[in-house]
């Protein structure tokens, strides 16, 4: 039996070094928000679900992602492992 593929995009960073009120993942790179590249790559794998872990600017990021992925809030940014663990709490 095949194990279903799930994609997790970590997008909860505080953007402190960006000196911007715009969430880091929504900053444009080559004409698209950074998160768009991650979403396109995840979608190309045809996973059963795509999750986006959001934190700072969560409403803006979740709004951009829309129905393409399920947004999961990481209330306290306690690292990558903690971010991935939020999926189990969703």
Protein backbone atom coordinates (compact mmCIF):
# COMPACT_ATOMS: atom_id res chain seq x y z
CA UNK A 1 0.00 0.00 0.00
CA UNK A 2 1.37 3.41 -0.95
CA UNK A 3 1.84 6.02 1.73
CA UNK A 4 0.12 9.29 0.76
CA UNK A 5 2.42 12.22 0.08
CA UNK A 6 1.85 15.38 2.11
CA UNK A 7 3.70 18.64 1.49
CA UNK A 8 4.49 21.10 4.28
CA UNK A 9 5.63 24.62 3.47
CA UNK A 10 7.16 26.46 6.41
CA UNK A 11 6.18 30.12 6.14
CA UNK A 12 5.99 31.33 9.75
CA UNK A 13 9.14 33.47 9.86
CA UNK A 14 9.04 36.87 11.54
CA UNK A 15 10.88 38.65 8.71
CA UNK A 16 12.95 40.61 11.21
CA UNK A 17 15.93 41.00 8.86
CA UNK A 18 13.73 42.11 5.97
CA UNK A 19 12.93 45.46 7.63
CA UNK A 20 9.45 45.30 6.16
CA UNK A 21 5.86 44.96 7.34
CA UNK A 22 5.25 42.53 4.46
CA UNK A 23 5.63 38.87 5.49
CA UNK A 24 8.89 37.46 4.14
CA UNK A 25 7.22 34.82 1.97
CA UNK A 26 5.13 37.48 0.22
CA UNK A 27 8.15 39.50 -0.92
CA UNK A 28 8.53 39.26 -4.70
CA UNK A 29 11.38 37.37 -6.29
CA UNK A 30 11.53 37.55 -10.10
CA UNK A 31 8.00 38.93 -10.19
CA UNK A 32 6.29 36.45 -7.86
CA UNK A 33 5.94 36.17 -4.08
CA UNK A 34 8.51 33.72 -2.69
CA UNK A 35 5.80 31.38 -1.47
CA UNK A 36 4.47 30.98 -5.03
CA UNK A 37 7.57 29.00 -6.00
CA UNK A 38 7.10 26.66 -3.05
CA UNK A 39 3.40 26.22 -3.84
CA UNK A 40 4.09 25.48 -7.52
CA UNK A 41 6.74 22.91 -6.63
CA UNK A 42 4.51 21.26 -4.04
CA UNK A 43 1.58 21.14 -6.46
CA UNK A 44 3.77 19.55 -9.13
CA UNK A 45 4.20 16.53 -6.82
CA UNK A 46 0.42 15.96 -6.68
CA UNK A 47 0.36 15.46 -2.91
CA UNK A 48 -2.80 14.40 -1.10
CA UNK A 49 -2.59 17.60 1.00
CA UNK A 50 -0.49 20.74 1.13
CA UNK A 51 -0.08 22.53 4.44
CA UNK A 52 1.43 25.97 4.94
CA UNK A 53 2.60 26.74 8.46
CA UNK A 54 2.02 30.46 9.04
CA UNK A 55 2.97 32.79 11.85
CA UNK A 56 3.87 36.42 11.36
CA UNK A 57 1.44 38.00 8.93
CA UNK A 58 -0.65 34.85 9.02
CA UNK A 59 -3.80 36.42 7.59
CA UNK A 60 -1.95 37.90 4.59
CA UNK A 61 -0.12 34.64 3.88
CA UNK A 62 -3.26 32.52 4.35
CA UNK A 63 -5.13 34.93 2.09
CA UNK A 64 -2.54 34.53 -0.65
CA UNK A 65 -2.50 30.73 -0.32
CA UNK A 66 -6.29 30.54 -0.41
CA UNK A 67 -7.64 27.06 -1.12
CA UNK A 68 -4.41 25.83 -2.66
CA UNK A 69 -3.22 24.68 0.77
CA UNK A 70 -4.43 24.46 4.33
CA UNK A 71 -2.91 27.17 6.51
CA UNK A 72 -1.89 26.11 10.01
CA UNK A 73 -0.97 28.73 12.62
CA UNK A 74 2.25 28.40 14.61
CA UNK A 75 1.46 30.71 17.53
CA UNK A 76 4.96 30.60 19.03
CA UNK A 77 7.91 30.33 16.68
CA UNK A 78 9.97 27.62 18.36
CA UNK A 79 11.86 26.25 15.37
CA UNK A 80 11.41 24.00 12.37
CA UNK A 81 10.47 20.84 14.29
CA UNK A 82 7.86 22.70 16.27
CA UNK A 83 6.47 24.20 13.05
CA UNK A 84 6.07 20.76 11.47
CA UNK A 85 4.46 19.45 14.67
CA UNK A 86 1.67 22.01 14.27
CA UNK A 87 0.30 19.94 11.39
CA UNK A 88 -0.65 17.21 13.85
CA UNK A 89 -2.56 19.73 15.92
CA UNK A 90 -4.53 21.07 12.96
